[in-house]
Amino acid sequence: MYRQRYTPLEIKLQGKPVLTAPRAWVVRQGRGIAVLEIDLKSKYCDAGASISSSDGGCGVLIDATEHSIYLDDSKDADFTEVWFTEFNGWDFWAGVVGRYTARICLIKFRR
C-alpha cells in the first residue's frame, strides 16, 4: 500500500499568488509518475507554465488571474515560481488549479 507524504517545495520567486506552506502532498507516486497537490492561500489561480533547469530541476509558475483573490498585492510579479526539489530529473506533465489546490503530475522519462 502506498503511503501519502509531504515533499518540500522551493519558492524561488514569491509573487502575488501565495501558498499555504512550502510543501506539497504526494498523493500517489510510482516508478515514473507522481501526483502532487499544493494547497494555496490565494484562490482561483492558474498553472501558468512549466519550468526546468539545466541540472534537471522542474517546477511550475502559479499565476494570478483576473479572478484570483487573497493575493499578496505588495509583490510586483503576477506569478510565484515553485520548484519540486525532491523530483530532480523529473518533468512536468500536466497541471490544473482549482479553487483551493494546484494538482500537478510529474513524469520521469527513461534517458
PDB file of N, CA and C in Angstrom:
ATOM      1  N   MET A   1       0.837  -1.185   0.000  1.00  0.00           N
ATOM      2  CA  MET A   1       0.000   0.000   0.000  1.00  0.00           C
ATOM      3  C   MET A   1       0.878   1.243   0.000  1.00  0.00           C
ATOM      4  N   TYR A   2       0.504   2.238  -0.791  1.00  0.00           N
ATOM      5  CA  TYR A   2       1.269   3.478  -0.894  1.00  0.00           C
ATOM      6  C   TYR A   2       0.952   4.398   0.284  1.00  0.00           C
ATOM      7  N   ARG A   3       1.999   4.964   0.876  1.00  0.00           N
ATOM      8  CA  ARG A   3       1.810   5.901   1.993  1.00  0.00           C
ATOM      9  C   ARG A   3       1.971   7.319   1.479  1.00  0.00           C
ATOM     10  N   GLN A   4       0.914   8.114   1.599  1.00  0.00           N
ATOM     11  CA  GLN A   4       0.985   9.510   1.188  1.00  0.00           C
ATOM     12  C   GLN A   4       1.903  10.267   2.139  1.00  0.00           C
ATOM     13  N   ARG A   5       2.529  11.309   1.619  1.00  0.00           N
ATOM     14  CA  ARG A   5       3.505  12.057   2.408  1.00  0.00           C
ATOM     15  C   ARG A   5       3.646  13.467   1.852  1.00  0.00           C
ATOM     16  N   TYR A   6       4.370  14.307   2.584  1.00  0.00           N
ATOM     17  CA  TYR A   6       4.684  15.645   2.114  1.00  0.00           C
ATOM     18  C   TYR A   6       6.072  15.667   1.490  1.00  0.00           C
ATOM     19  N   THR A   7       6.276  16.590   0.548  1.00  0.00           N
ATOM     20  CA  THR A   7       7.587  16.843  -0.036  1.00  0.00           C
ATOM     21  C   THR A   7       7.835  18.346   0.008  1.00  0.00           C
ATOM     22  N   PRO A   8       9.063  18.770   0.282  1.00  0.00           N
ATOM     23  CA  PRO A   8       9.335  20.209   0.351  1.00  0.00           C
ATOM     24  C   PRO A   8       9.313  20.856  -1.032  1.00  0.00           C
ATOM     25  N   LEU A   9       8.956  22.115  -1.054  1.00  0.00           N
ATOM     26  CA  LEU A   9       8.986  22.929  -2.264  1.00  0.00           C
ATOM     27  C   LEU A   9       9.958  24.072  -2.044  1.00  0.00           C
ATOM     28  N   GLU A  10      10.544  24.562  -3.114  1.00  0.00           N
ATOM     29  CA  GLU A  10      11.381  25.750  -3.028  1.00  0.00           C
ATOM     30  C   GLU A  10      10.688  26.875  -3.789  1.00  0.00           C
ATOM     31  N   ILE A  11      10.451  27.974  -3.101  1.00  0.00           N
ATOM     32  CA  ILE A  11       9.854  29.155  -3.732  1.00  0.00           C
ATOM     33  C   ILE A  11      11.020  30.052  -4.142  1.00  0.00           C
ATOM     34  N   LYS A  12      11.328  30.071  -5.434  1.00  0.00           N
ATOM     35  CA  LYS A  12      12.466  30.882  -5.892  1.00  0.00           C
ATOM     36  C   LYS A  12      12.067  32.326  -6.135  1.00  0.00           C
ATOM     37  N   LEU A  13      10.800  32.560  -6.454  1.00  0.00           N
ATOM     38  CA  LEU A  13      10.298  33.925  -6.608  1.00  0.00           C
ATOM     39  C   LEU A  13       8.887  33.976  -6.035  1.00  0.00           C
ATOM     40  N   GLN A  14       8.723  34.729  -4.980  1.00  0.00           N
ATOM     41  CA  GLN A  14       7.397  34.889  -4.377  1.00  0.00           C
ATOM     42  C   GLN A  14       6.706  36.072  -5.035  1.00  0.00           C
ATOM     43  N   GLY A  15       5.661  35.779  -5.776  1.00  0.00           N
ATOM     44  CA  GLY A  15       4.865  36.821  -6.404  1.00  0.00           C
ATOM     45  C   GLY A  15       3.561  36.982  -5.655  1.00  0.00           C
ATOM     46  N   LYS A  16       2.545  37.456  -6.364  1.00  0.00           N
ATOM     47  CA  LYS A  16       1.233  37.706  -5.745  1.00  0.00           C
ATOM     48  C   LYS A  16       0.532  36.436  -5.268  1.00  0.00           C
ATOM     49  N   PRO A  17       0.553  35.321  -6.018  1.00  0.00           N
ATOM     50  CA  PRO A  17      -0.075  34.088  -5.508  1.00  0.00           C
ATOM     51  C   PRO A  17       0.689  33.549  -4.296  1.00  0.00           C
ATOM     52  N   VAL A  18      -0.045  33.120  -3.262  1.00  0.00           N
ATOM     53  CA  VAL A  18       0.555  32.678  -2.011  1.00  0.00           C
ATOM     54  C   VAL A  18       0.180  31.220  -1.742  1.00  0.00           C
ATOM     55  N   LEU A  19       1.196  30.409  -1.416  1.00  0.00           N
ATOM     56  CA  LEU A  19       0.968  29.021  -1.000  1.00  0.00           C
ATOM     57  C   LEU A  19       0.682  28.994   0.492  1.00  0.00           C
ATOM     58  N   THR A  20      -0.068  27.995   0.944  1.00  0.00           N
ATOM     59  CA  THR A  20      -0.326  27.828   2.368  1.00  0.00           C
ATOM     60  C   THR A  20       0.959  27.482   3.104  1.00  0.00           C
ATOM     61  N   ALA A  21       1.788  26.612   2.520  1.00  0.00           N
ATOM     62  CA  ALA A  21       3.061  26.205   3.117  1.00  0.00           C
ATOM     63  C   ALA A  21       3.994  25.795   1.983  1.00  0.00           C
ATOM     64  N   PRO A  22       5.323  25.852   2.199  1.00  0.00           N
ATOM     65  CA  PRO A  22       6.269  25.466   1.138  1.00  0.00           C
ATOM     66  C   PRO A  22       6.440  23.944   1.058  1.00  0.00           C
ATOM     67  N   ARG A  23       5.333  23.255   0.843  1.00  0.00           N
ATOM     68  CA  ARG A  23       5.362  21.800   0.713  1.00  0.00           C
ATOM     69  C   ARG A  23       4.180  21.361  -0.146  1.00  0.00           C
ATOM     70  N   ALA A  24       4.306  20.166  -0.683  1.00  0.00           N
ATOM     71  CA  ALA A  24       3.234  19.578  -1.492  1.00  0.00           C
ATOM     72  C   ALA A  24       2.903  18.213  -0.913  1.00  0.00           C
ATOM     73  N   TRP A  25       1.679  17.806  -1.092  1.00  0.00           N
ATOM     74  CA  TRP A  25       1.210  16.498  -0.674  1.00  0.00           C
ATOM     75  C   TRP A  25       1.424  15.556  -1.849  1.00  0.00           C
ATOM     76  N   VAL A  26       2.216  14.501  -1.650  1.00  0.00           N
ATOM     77  CA  VAL A  26       2.421  13.495  -2.699  1.00  0.00           C
ATOM     78  C   VAL A  26       1.262  12.516  -2.582  1.00  0.00           C
ATOM     79  N   VAL A  27       0.290  12.685  -3.443  1.00  0.00           N
ATOM     80  CA  VAL A  27      -0.938  11.885  -3.396  1.00  0.00           C
ATOM     81  C   VAL A  27      -0.650  10.453  -3.810  1.00  0.00           C
ATOM     82  N   ARG A  28       0.146  10.306  -4.868  1.00  0.00           N
ATOM     83  CA  ARG A  28       0.473   8.982  -5.393  1.00  0.00           C
ATOM     84  C   ARG A  28       1.795   9.083  -6.126  1.00  0.00           C
ATOM     85  N   GLN A  29       2.622   8.054  -5.998  1.00  0.00           N
ATOM     86  CA  GLN A  29       3.891   8.028  -6.713  1.00  0.00           C
ATOM     87  C   GLN A  29       4.218   6.604  -7.112  1.00  0.00           C
ATOM     88  N   GLY A  30       4.623   6.453  -8.364  1.00  0.00           N
ATOM     89  CA  GLY A  30       5.087   5.175  -8.871  1.00  0.00           C
ATOM     90  C   GLY A  30       6.510   5.333  -9.374  1.00  0.00           C
ATOM     91  N   ARG A  31       6.983   4.342 -10.119  1.00  0.00           N
ATOM     92  CA  ARG A  31       8.374   4.389 -10.607  1.00  0.00           C
ATOM     93  C   ARG A  31       8.614   5.564 -11.544  1.00  0.00           C
ATOM     94  N   GLY A  32       7.646   5.934 -12.342  1.00  0.00           N
ATOM     95  CA  GLY A  32       7.878   7.000 -13.309  1.00  0.00           C
ATOM     96  C   GLY A  32       6.827   8.086 -13.303  1.00  0.00           C
ATOM     97  N   ILE A  33       6.006   8.134 -12.270  1.00  0.00           N
ATOM     98  CA  ILE A  33       4.938   9.128 -12.240  1.00  0.00           C
ATOM     99  C   ILE A  33       4.658   9.538 -10.793  1.00  0.00           C
ATOM    100  N   ALA A  34       4.325  10.804 -10.608  1.00  0.00           N
ATOM    101  CA  ALA A  34       3.982  11.305  -9.279  1.00  0.00           C
ATOM    102  C   ALA A  34       2.873  12.344  -9.420  1.00  0.00           C
ATOM    103  N   VAL A  35       1.910  12.287  -8.526  1.00  0.00           N
ATOM    104  CA  VAL A  35       0.822  13.264  -8.488  1.00  0.00           C
ATOM    105  C   VAL A  35       0.948  14.028  -7.172  1.00  0.00           C
ATOM    106  N   LEU A  36       1.038  15.355  -7.287  1.00  0.00           N
ATOM    107  CA  LEU A  36       1.220  16.209  -6.125  1.00  0.00           C
ATOM    108  C   LEU A  36       0.076  17.205  -6.022  1.00  0.00           C
ATOM    109  N   GLU A  37      -0.238  17.608  -4.801  1.00  0.00           N
ATOM    110  CA  GLU A  37      -1.221  18.660  -4.563  1.00  0.00           C
ATOM    111  C   GLU A  37      -0.567  19.749  -3.725  1.00  0.00           C
ATOM    112  N   ILE A  38      -0.743  20.991  -4.165  1.00  0.00           N
ATOM    113  CA  ILE A  38      -0.214  22.156  -3.457  1.00  0.00           C
ATOM    114  C   ILE A  38      -1.398  22.961  -2.958  1.00  0.00           C
ATOM    115  N   ASP A  39      -1.466  23.174  -1.643  1.00  0.00           N
ATOM    116  CA  ASP A  39      -2.544  23.954  -1.047  1.00  0.00           C
ATOM    117  C   ASP A  39      -2.222  25.442  -1.194  1.00  0.00           C
ATOM    118  N   LEU A  40      -3.189  26.219  -1.641  1.00  0.00           N
ATOM    119  CA  LEU A  40      -2.985  27.642  -1.895  1.00  0.00           C
ATOM    120  C   LEU A  40      -3.806  28.501  -0.940  1.00  0.00           C
ATOM    121  N   LYS A  41      -3.189  29.585  -0.426  1.00  0.00           N
ATOM    122  CA  LYS A  41      -3.951  30.609   0.292  1.00  0.00           C
ATOM    123  C   LYS A  41      -4.700  31.465  -0.711  1.00  0.00           C
ATOM    124  N   SER A  42      -4.036  31.777  -1.830  1.00  0.00           N
ATOM    125  CA  SER A  42      -4.675  32.525  -2.910  1.00  0.00           C
ATOM    126  C   SER A  42      -5.620  31.582  -3.651  1.00  0.00           C
ATOM    127  N   LYS A  43      -6.745  32.096  -4.058  1.00  0.00           N
ATOM    128  CA  LYS A  43      -7.752  31.263  -4.724  1.00  0.00           C
ATOM    129  C   LYS A  43      -7.916  31.681  -6.182  1.00  0.00           C
ATOM    130  N   TYR A  44      -8.356  30.739  -6.991  1.00  0.00           N
ATOM    131  CA  TYR A  44      -8.646  30.939  -8.414  1.00  0.00           C
ATOM    132  C   TYR A  44      -7.403  31.372  -9.200  1.00  0.00           C
ATOM    133  N   CYS A  45      -6.273  30.731  -8.926  1.00  0.00           N
ATOM    134  CA  CYS A  45      -5.044  30.983  -9.680  1.00  0.00           C
ATOM    135  C   CYS A  45      -4.967  30.001 -10.842  1.00  0.00           C
ATOM    136  N   ASP A  46      -3.849  29.995 -11.554  1.00  0.00           N
ATOM    137  CA  ASP A  46      -3.676  29.132 -12.711  1.00  0.00           C
ATOM    138  C   ASP A  46      -2.259  28.577 -12.722  1.00  0.00           C
ATOM    139  N   ALA A  47      -2.084  27.381 -13.272  1.00  0.00           N
ATOM    140  CA  ALA A  47      -0.749  26.828 -13.507  1.00  0.00           C
ATOM    141  C   ALA A  47      -0.291  27.396 -14.844  1.00  0.00           C
ATOM    142  N   GLY A  48       0.484  28.473 -14.773  1.00  0.00           N
ATOM    143  CA  GLY A  48       0.805  29.243 -15.971  1.00  0.00           C
ATOM    144  C   GLY A  48       1.775  28.578 -16.924  1.00  0.00           C
ATOM    145  N   ALA A  49       2.853  28.000 -16.404  1.00  0.00           N
ATOM    146  CA  ALA A  49       3.869  27.401 -17.265  1.00  0.00           C
ATOM    147  C   ALA A  49       4.701  26.430 -16.454  1.00  0.00           C
ATOM    148  N   SER A  50       5.227  25.433 -17.149  1.00  0.00           N
ATOM    149  CA  SER A  50       6.199  24.547 -16.502  1.00  0.00           C
ATOM    150  C   SER A  50       7.571  25.165 -16.691  1.00  0.00           C
ATOM    151  N   ILE A  51       8.477  24.896 -15.751  1.00  0.00           N
ATOM    152  CA  ILE A  51       9.830  25.426 -15.837  1.00  0.00           C
ATOM    153  C   ILE A  51      10.808  24.298 -15.548  1.00  0.00           C
ATOM    154  N   SER A  52      12.009  24.409 -16.108  1.00  0.00           N
ATOM    155  CA  SER A  52      13.043  23.408 -15.858  1.00  0.00           C
ATOM    156  C   SER A  52      14.390  24.103 -15.840  1.00  0.00           C
ATOM    157  N   SER A  53      15.368  23.417 -15.270  1.00  0.00           N
ATOM    158  CA  SER A  53      16.712  23.971 -15.197  1.00  0.00           C
ATOM    159  C   SER A  53      17.687  23.026 -15.889  1.00  0.00           C
ATOM    160  N   SER A  54      18.875  23.518 -16.171  1.00  0.00           N
ATOM    161  CA  SER A  54      19.874  22.707 -16.864  1.00  0.00           C
ATOM    162  C   SER A  54      20.362  21.529 -16.023  1.00  0.00           C
ATOM    163  N   ASP A  55      20.172  21.595 -14.696  1.00  0.00           N
ATOM    164  CA  ASP A  55      20.605  20.489 -13.837  1.00  0.00           C
ATOM    165  C   ASP A  55      19.495  19.472 -13.590  1.00  0.00           C
ATOM    166  N   GLY A  56      18.380  19.573 -14.319  1.00  0.00           N
ATOM    167  CA  GLY A  56      17.317  18.579 -14.223  1.00  0.00           C
ATOM    168  C   GLY A  56      16.181  18.935 -13.291  1.00  0.00           C
ATOM    169  N   GLY A  57      16.220  20.113 -12.696  1.00  0.00           N
ATOM    170  CA  GLY A  57      15.132  20.536 -11.819  1.00  0.00           C
ATOM    171  C   GLY A  57      13.869  20.855 -12.600  1.00  0.00           C
ATOM    172  N   CYS A  58      12.727  20.713 -11.934  1.00  0.00           N
ATOM    173  CA  CYS A  58      11.475  21.066 -12.595  1.00  0.00           C
ATOM    174  C   CYS A  58      10.585  21.822 -11.621  1.00  0.00           C
ATOM    175  N   GLY A  59       9.712  22.626 -12.197  1.00  0.00           N
ATOM    176  CA  GLY A  59       8.822  23.423 -11.371  1.00  0.00           C
ATOM    177  C   GLY A  59       7.653  23.940 -12.181  1.00  0.00           C
ATOM    178  N   VAL A  60       6.910  24.847 -11.557  1.00  0.00           N
ATOM    179  CA  VAL A  60       5.724  25.407 -12.187  1.00  0.00           C
ATOM    180  C   VAL A  60       5.575  26.855 -11.735  1.00  0.00           C
ATOM    181  N   LEU A  61       4.994  27.663 -12.604  1.00  0.00           N
ATOM    182  CA  LEU A  61       4.637  29.031 -12.251  1.00  0.00           C
ATOM    183  C   LEU A  61       3.158  29.041 -11.901  1.00  0.00           C
ATOM    184  N   ILE A  62       2.834  29.496 -10.707  1.00  0.00           N
ATOM    185  CA  ILE A  62       1.445  29.669 -10.293  1.00  0.00           C
ATOM    186  C   ILE A  62       1.089  31.116 -10.583  1.00  0.00           C
ATOM    187  N   ASP A  63       0.170  31.324 -11.512  1.00  0.00           N
ATOM    188  CA  ASP A  63      -0.176  32.664 -11.985  1.00  0.00           C
ATOM    189  C   ASP A  63      -1.425  33.208 -11.318  1.00  0.00           C
ATOM    190  N   ALA A  64      -1.421  34.512 -11.068  1.00  0.00           N
ATOM    191  CA  ALA A  64      -2.637  35.211 -10.670  1.00  0.00           C
ATOM    192  C   ALA A  64      -3.442  35.499 -11.936  1.00  0.00           C
ATOM    193  N   THR A  65      -4.749  35.420 -11.822  1.00  0.00           N
ATOM    194  CA  THR A  65      -5.631  35.744 -12.942  1.00  0.00           C
ATOM    195  C   THR A  65      -6.541  36.897 -12.522  1.00  0.00           C
ATOM    196  N   GLU A  66      -7.372  37.338 -13.427  1.00  0.00           N
ATOM    197  CA  GLU A  66      -8.300  38.427 -13.094  1.00  0.00           C
ATOM    198  C   GLU A  66      -9.325  37.993 -12.045  1.00  0.00           C
ATOM    199  N   HIS A  67      -9.494  36.688 -11.861  1.00  0.00           N
ATOM    200  CA  HIS A  67     -10.453  36.167 -10.882  1.00  0.00           C
ATOM    201  C   HIS A  67      -9.810  35.786  -9.547  1.00  0.00           C
ATOM    202  N   SER A  68      -8.475  35.845  -9.453  1.00  0.00           N
ATOM    203  CA  SER A  68      -7.775  35.437  -8.235  1.00  0.00           C
ATOM    204  C   SER A  68      -8.099  36.362  -7.064  1.00  0.00           C
ATOM    205  N   ILE A  69      -8.174  35.758  -5.879  1.00  0.00           N
ATOM    206  CA  ILE A  69      -8.407  36.523  -4.659  1.00  0.00           C
ATOM    207  C   ILE A  69      -7.384  36.092  -3.597  1.00  0.00           C
ATOM    208  N   TYR A  70      -7.281  36.873  -2.541  1.00  0.00           N
ATOM    209  CA  TYR A  70      -6.337  36.623  -1.439  1.00  0.00           C
ATOM    210  C   TYR A  70      -4.889  36.625  -1.932  1.00  0.00           C
ATOM    211  N   LEU A  71      -4.566  37.580  -2.795  1.00  0.00           N
ATOM    212  CA  LEU A  71      -3.209  37.723  -3.319  1.00  0.00           C
ATOM    213  C   LEU A  71      -2.388  38.626  -2.408  1.00  0.00           C
ATOM    214  N   ASP A  72      -1.065  38.540  -2.533  1.00  0.00           N
ATOM    215  CA  ASP A  72      -0.160  39.440  -1.830  1.00  0.00           C
ATOM    216  C   ASP A  72       0.135  40.605  -2.766  1.00  0.00           C
ATOM    217  N   ASP A  73      -0.644  41.665  -2.659  1.00  0.00           N
ATOM    218  CA  ASP A  73      -0.513  42.803  -3.571  1.00  0.00           C
ATOM    219  C   ASP A  73       0.737  43.637  -3.327  1.00  0.00           C
ATOM    220  N   SER A  74       1.504  43.323  -2.286  1.00  0.00           N
ATOM    221  CA  SER A  74       2.762  44.033  -2.067  1.00  0.00           C
ATOM    222  C   SER A  74       3.857  43.549  -3.032  1.00  0.00           C
ATOM    223  N   LYS A  75       3.606  42.443  -3.722  1.00  0.00           N
ATOM    224  CA  LYS A  75       4.573  41.877  -4.676  1.00  0.00           C
ATOM    225  C   LYS A  75       4.289  42.403  -6.077  1.00  0.00           C
ATOM    226  N   ASP A  76       5.360  42.540  -6.875  1.00  0.00           N
ATOM    227  CA  ASP A  76       5.219  43.033  -8.246  1.00  0.00           C
ATOM    228  C   ASP A  76       4.853  41.929  -9.238  1.00  0.00           C
ATOM    229  N   ALA A  77       5.430  40.753  -9.057  1.00  0.00           N
ATOM    230  CA  ALA A  77       5.234  39.665 -10.026  1.00  0.00           C
ATOM    231  C   ALA A  77       3.828  39.081  -9.917  1.00  0.00           C
ATOM    232  N   ASP A  78       3.225  38.782 -11.051  1.00  0.00           N
ATOM    233  CA  ASP A  78       1.895  38.172 -11.091  1.00  0.00           C
ATOM    234  C   ASP A  78       1.959  36.646 -10.982  1.00  0.00           C
ATOM    235  N   PHE A  79       3.143  36.111 -10.721  1.00  0.00           N
ATOM    236  CA  PHE A  79       3.303  34.657 -10.601  1.00  0.00           C
ATOM    237  C   PHE A  79       4.240  34.338  -9.446  1.00  0.00           C
ATOM    238  N   THR A  80       4.136  33.099  -8.948  1.00  0.00           N
ATOM    239  CA  THR A  80       5.051  32.569  -7.950  1.00  0.00           C
ATOM    240  C   THR A  80       5.751  31.370  -8.563  1.00  0.00           C
ATOM    241  N   GLU A  81       7.080  31.345  -8.452  1.00  0.00           N
ATOM    242  CA  GLU A  81       7.904  30.291  -9.047  1.00  0.00           C
ATOM    243  C   GLU A  81       8.139  29.191  -8.014  1.00  0.00           C
ATOM    244  N   VAL A  82       7.608  27.999  -8.293  1.00  0.00           N
ATOM    245  CA  VAL A  82       7.652  26.874  -7.360  1.00  0.00           C
ATOM    246  C   VAL A  82       8.474  25.737  -7.974  1.00  0.00           C
ATOM    247  N   TRP A  83       9.476  25.239  -7.206  1.00  0.00           N
ATOM    248  CA  TRP A  83      10.338  24.153  -7.671  1.00  0.00           C
ATOM    249  C   TRP A  83      10.127  22.918  -6.817  1.00  0.00           C
ATOM    250  N   PHE A  84      10.115  21.760  -7.468  1.00  0.00           N
ATOM    251  CA  PHE A  84       9.936  20.468  -6.806  1.00  0.00           C
ATOM    252  C   PHE A  84      11.325  19.878  -6.532  1.00  0.00           C
ATOM    253  N   THR A  85      11.907  20.205  -5.395  1.00  0.00           N
ATOM    254  CA  THR A  85      13.309  19.882  -5.112  1.00  0.00           C
ATOM    255  C   THR A  85      13.579  18.381  -5.035  1.00  0.00           C
ATOM    256  N   GLU A  86      12.642  17.610  -4.558  1.00  0.00           N
ATOM    257  CA  GLU A  86      12.831  16.163  -4.442  1.00  0.00           C
ATOM    258  C   GLU A  86      12.795  15.472  -5.800  1.00  0.00           C
ATOM    259  N   PHE A  87      12.210  16.128  -6.788  1.00  0.00           N
ATOM    260  CA  PHE A  87      11.967  15.491  -8.080  1.00  0.00           C
ATOM    261  C   PHE A  87      12.921  15.996  -9.159  1.00  0.00           C
ATOM    262  N   ASN A  88      14.196  16.087  -8.809  1.00  0.00           N
ATOM    263  CA  ASN A  88      15.214  16.459  -9.782  1.00  0.00           C
ATOM    264  C   ASN A  88      15.321  15.345 -10.822  1.00  0.00           C
ATOM    265  N   GLY A  89      15.332  15.701 -12.090  1.00  0.00           N
ATOM    266  CA  GLY A  89      15.378  14.704 -13.159  1.00  0.00           C
ATOM    267  C   GLY A  89      13.997  14.313 -13.672  1.00  0.00           C
ATOM    268  N   TRP A  90      12.947  14.849 -13.061  1.00  0.00           N
ATOM    269  CA  TRP A  90      11.582  14.590 -13.499  1.00  0.00           C
ATOM    270  C   TRP A  90      11.129  15.738 -14.399  1.00  0.00           C
ATOM    271  N   ASP A  91      10.002  15.541 -15.081  1.00  0.00           N
ATOM    272  CA  ASP A  91       9.440  16.562 -15.963  1.00  0.00           C
ATOM    273  C   ASP A  91       7.992  16.845 -15.583  1.00  0.00           C
ATOM    274  N   PHE A  92       7.598  18.080 -15.744  1.00  0.00           N
ATOM    275  CA  PHE A  92       6.211  18.481 -15.560  1.00  0.00           C
ATOM    276  C   PHE A  92       5.400  17.900 -16.707  1.00  0.00           C
ATOM    277  N   TRP A  93       4.292  17.237 -16.403  1.00  0.00           N
ATOM    278  CA  TRP A  93       3.461  16.634 -17.445  1.00  0.00           C
ATOM    279  C   TRP A  93       2.135  17.365 -17.576  1.00  0.00           C
ATOM    280  N   ALA A  94       1.475  17.638 -16.456  1.00  0.00           N
ATOM    281  CA  ALA A  94       0.169  18.302 -16.510  1.00  0.00           C
ATOM    282  C   ALA A  94      -0.089  19.000 -15.183  1.00  0.00           C
ATOM    283  N   GLY A  95      -0.934  20.008 -15.238  1.00  0.00           N
ATOM    284  CA  GLY A  95      -1.309  20.718 -14.023  1.00  0.00           C
ATOM    285  C   GLY A  95      -2.652  21.393 -14.178  1.00  0.00           C
ATOM    286  N   VAL A  96      -3.376  21.427 -13.095  1.00  0.00           N
ATOM    287  CA  VAL A  96      -4.661  22.118 -13.074  1.00  0.00           C
ATOM    288  C   VAL A  96      -4.804  22.752 -11.692  1.00  0.00           C
ATOM    289  N   VAL A  97      -5.382  23.919 -11.666  1.00  0.00           N
ATOM    290  CA  VAL A  97      -5.572  24.608 -10.391  1.00  0.00           C
ATOM    291  C   VAL A  97      -7.064  24.838 -10.196  1.00  0.00           C
ATOM    292  N   GLY A  98      -7.577  24.317  -9.084  1.00  0.00           N
ATOM    293  CA  GLY A  98      -8.964  24.551  -8.708  1.00  0.00           C
ATOM    294  C   GLY A  98      -9.043  25.751  -7.785  1.00  0.00           C
ATOM    295  N   ARG A  99     -10.090  25.819  -7.045  1.00  0.00           N
ATOM    296  CA  ARG A  99     -10.259  26.957  -6.142  1.00  0.00           C
ATOM    297  C   ARG A  99      -9.194  26.978  -5.052  1.00  0.00           C
ATOM    298  N   TYR A 100      -8.903  25.821  -4.447  1.00  0.00           N
ATOM    299  CA  TYR A 100      -8.002  25.766  -3.303  1.00  0.00           C
ATOM    300  C   TYR A 100      -6.689  25.038  -3.546  1.00  0.00           C
ATOM    301  N   THR A 101      -6.606  24.251  -4.603  1.00  0.00           N
ATOM    302  CA  THR A 101      -5.494  23.311  -4.756  1.00  0.00           C
ATOM    303  C   THR A 101      -4.944  23.311  -6.178  1.00  0.00           C
ATOM    304  N   ALA A 102      -3.606  23.271  -6.278  1.00  0.00           N
ATOM    305  CA  ALA A 102      -2.944  23.031  -7.557  1.00  0.00           C
ATOM    306  C   ALA A 102      -2.598  21.547  -7.599  1.00  0.00           C
ATOM    307  N   ARG A 103      -3.047  20.849  -8.626  1.00  0.00           N
ATOM    308  CA  ARG A 103      -2.743  19.431  -8.800  1.00  0.00           C
ATOM    309  C   ARG A 103      -1.747  19.296  -9.945  1.00  0.00           C
ATOM    310  N   ILE A 104      -0.630  18.665  -9.652  1.00  0.00           N
ATOM    311  CA  ILE A 104       0.479  18.593 -10.598  1.00  0.00           C
ATOM    312  C   ILE A 104       0.842  17.129 -10.834  1.00  0.00           C
ATOM    313  N   CYS A 105       1.063  16.778 -12.092  1.00  0.00           N
ATOM    314  CA  CYS A 105       1.521  15.441 -12.449  1.00  0.00           C
ATOM    315  C   CYS A 105       2.931  15.558 -13.023  1.00  0.00           C
ATOM    316  N   LEU A 106       3.865  14.838 -12.432  1.00  0.00           N
ATOM    317  CA  LEU A 106       5.244  14.787 -12.897  1.00  0.00           C
ATOM    318  C   LEU A 106       5.533  13.391 -13.436  1.00  0.00           C
ATOM    319  N   ILE A 107       6.364  13.329 -14.477  1.00  0.00           N
ATOM    320  CA  ILE A 107       6.767  12.035 -15.016  1.00  0.00           C
ATOM    321  C   ILE A 107       8.286  11.995 -15.120  1.00  0.00           C
ATOM    322  N   LYS A 108       8.818  10.787 -15.091  1.00  0.00           N
ATOM    323  CA  LYS A 108      10.264  10.601 -15.229  1.00  0.00           C
ATOM    324  C   LYS A 108      10.500   9.753 -16.463  1.00  0.00           C
ATOM    325  N   PHE A 109      11.044  10.399 -17.487  1.00  0.00           N
ATOM    326  CA  PHE A 109      11.368   9.693 -18.715  1.00  0.00           C
ATOM    327  C   PHE A 109      12.599   8.849 -18.505  1.00  0.00           C
ATOM    328  N   ARG A 110      12.669   7.737 -19.202  1.00  0.00           N
ATOM    329  CA  ARG A 110      13.901   6.939 -19.204  1.00  0.00           C
ATOM    330  C   ARG A 110      14.862   7.603 -20.164  1.00  0.00           C
ATOM    331  N   ARG A 111      16.036   7.916 -19.660  1.00  0.00           N
ATOM    332  CA  ARG A 111      17.016   8.621 -20.508  1.00  0.00           C
ATOM    333  C   ARG A 111      18.255   7.823 -20.672  1.00  0.00           C
TER     334      ARG A 111
END
